[in-house]
Amino acid sequence: MLGILFLVIFLSLFVAVIGVVIYSFFRKRHGEESVYINSNLIKTAEVFRDPSTNRLMRVWVNPSNGKRVYLAEGQLPGNI
């Protein structure tokens, strides 16, 4: 009976860890937008390398509200 309990706990933890790993692949870093369709964005000179994904990120600014948008370099607003 005790062996079955340990097996259930182990399998539950295993499934939880796998879920966290899968989630981390879809999580956006540094406020990166997954969908941002706005052709009014202005490209800035600010570029940085995301340390968690090693991708080169470009900062764009919406002039109407000052909101900063982070997109992978080469990814254009409106073509996402």
Protein backbone atom coordinates (compact mmCIF):
# COMPACT_ATOMS: atom_id res chain seq x y z
CA MET A 1 0.00 0.00 0.00
CA LEU A 2 2.85 2.37 0.88
CA GLY A 3 4.58 1.55 -2.41
CA ILE A 4 1.51 2.59 -4.39
CA LEU A 5 1.38 5.90 -2.49
CA PHE A 6 5.03 6.64 -3.35
CA LEU A 7 4.37 5.72 -6.98
CA VAL A 8 1.40 8.10 -7.17
CA ILE A 9 3.42 10.92 -5.57
CA PHE A 10 6.37 10.30 -7.89
CA LEU A 11 4.18 10.27 -11.00
CA SER A 12 2.38 13.44 -9.86
CA LEU A 13 5.69 15.26 -9.38
CA PHE A 14 6.97 13.98 -12.72
CA VAL A 15 3.88 15.27 -14.54
CA ALA A 16 4.18 18.65 -12.74
CA VAL A 17 7.83 19.03 -13.74
CA ILE A 18 7.06 18.15 -17.36
CA GLY A 19 4.22 20.72 -17.31
CA VAL A 20 6.54 23.46 -16.02
CA VAL A 21 9.15 22.65 -18.67
CA ILE A 22 6.57 22.78 -21.47
CA TYR A 23 5.14 26.06 -20.09
CA SER A 24 8.60 27.63 -20.04
CA PHE A 25 8.92 27.14 -23.81
CA PHE A 26 5.85 29.29 -24.42
CA ARG A 27 6.52 31.96 -21.79
CA LYS A 28 7.54 35.30 -23.23
CA ARG A 29 10.55 37.08 -21.72
CA HIS A 30 11.12 40.78 -21.06
CA GLY A 31 7.53 41.74 -21.87
CA GLU A 32 7.81 40.34 -25.37
CA GLU A 33 4.55 40.58 -27.27
CA SER A 34 3.17 37.41 -28.81
CA VAL A 35 0.80 39.30 -31.11
CA TYR A 36 1.12 43.01 -31.59
CA ILE A 37 -0.37 44.37 -34.79
CA ASN A 38 0.35 48.08 -34.93
CA SER A 39 2.14 49.60 -37.89
CA ASN A 40 2.51 52.90 -35.97
CA LEU A 41 5.36 51.55 -33.86
CA ILE A 42 8.69 53.36 -34.11
CA LYS A 43 11.88 51.31 -34.16
CA THR A 44 14.44 52.42 -31.56
CA ALA A 45 18.20 51.93 -31.53
CA GLU A 46 17.88 49.86 -28.36
CA VAL A 47 18.82 46.22 -28.93
CA PHE A 48 19.72 43.62 -26.31
CA ARG A 49 20.33 39.90 -26.07
CA ASP A 50 17.75 38.09 -23.96
CA PRO A 51 19.88 36.05 -21.54
CA SER A 52 17.22 33.37 -21.08
CA THR A 53 16.61 32.65 -24.78
CA ASN A 54 19.81 34.11 -26.28
CA ARG A 55 17.67 35.91 -28.88
CA LEU A 56 18.46 39.42 -30.09
CA MET A 57 15.55 41.68 -29.08
CA ARG A 58 14.61 45.07 -30.55
CA VAL A 59 12.67 47.73 -28.64
CA TRP A 60 9.81 49.48 -30.45
CA VAL A 61 7.78 52.40 -29.07
CA ASN A 62 4.16 53.31 -29.63
CA PRO A 63 4.25 57.13 -29.94
CA SER A 64 0.58 57.56 -28.99
CA ASN A 65 0.96 56.08 -25.49
CA GLY A 66 4.72 55.59 -24.97
CA LYS A 67 4.34 51.84 -24.50
CA ARG A 68 7.52 49.89 -25.20
CA VAL A 69 7.17 46.69 -27.21
CA TYR A 70 9.86 43.99 -27.33
CA LEU A 71 10.13 41.91 -30.48
CA ALA A 72 12.76 39.48 -31.67
CA GLU A 73 15.09 41.22 -34.11
CA GLY A 74 13.84 40.73 -37.64
CA GLN A 75 10.26 40.38 -36.42
CA LEU A 76 8.29 43.37 -37.73
CA PRO A 77 5.16 44.83 -36.14
CA GLY A 78 2.13 43.80 -38.13
CA ASN A 79 3.90 40.72 -39.58
CA ILE A 80 3.64 38.57 -36.50
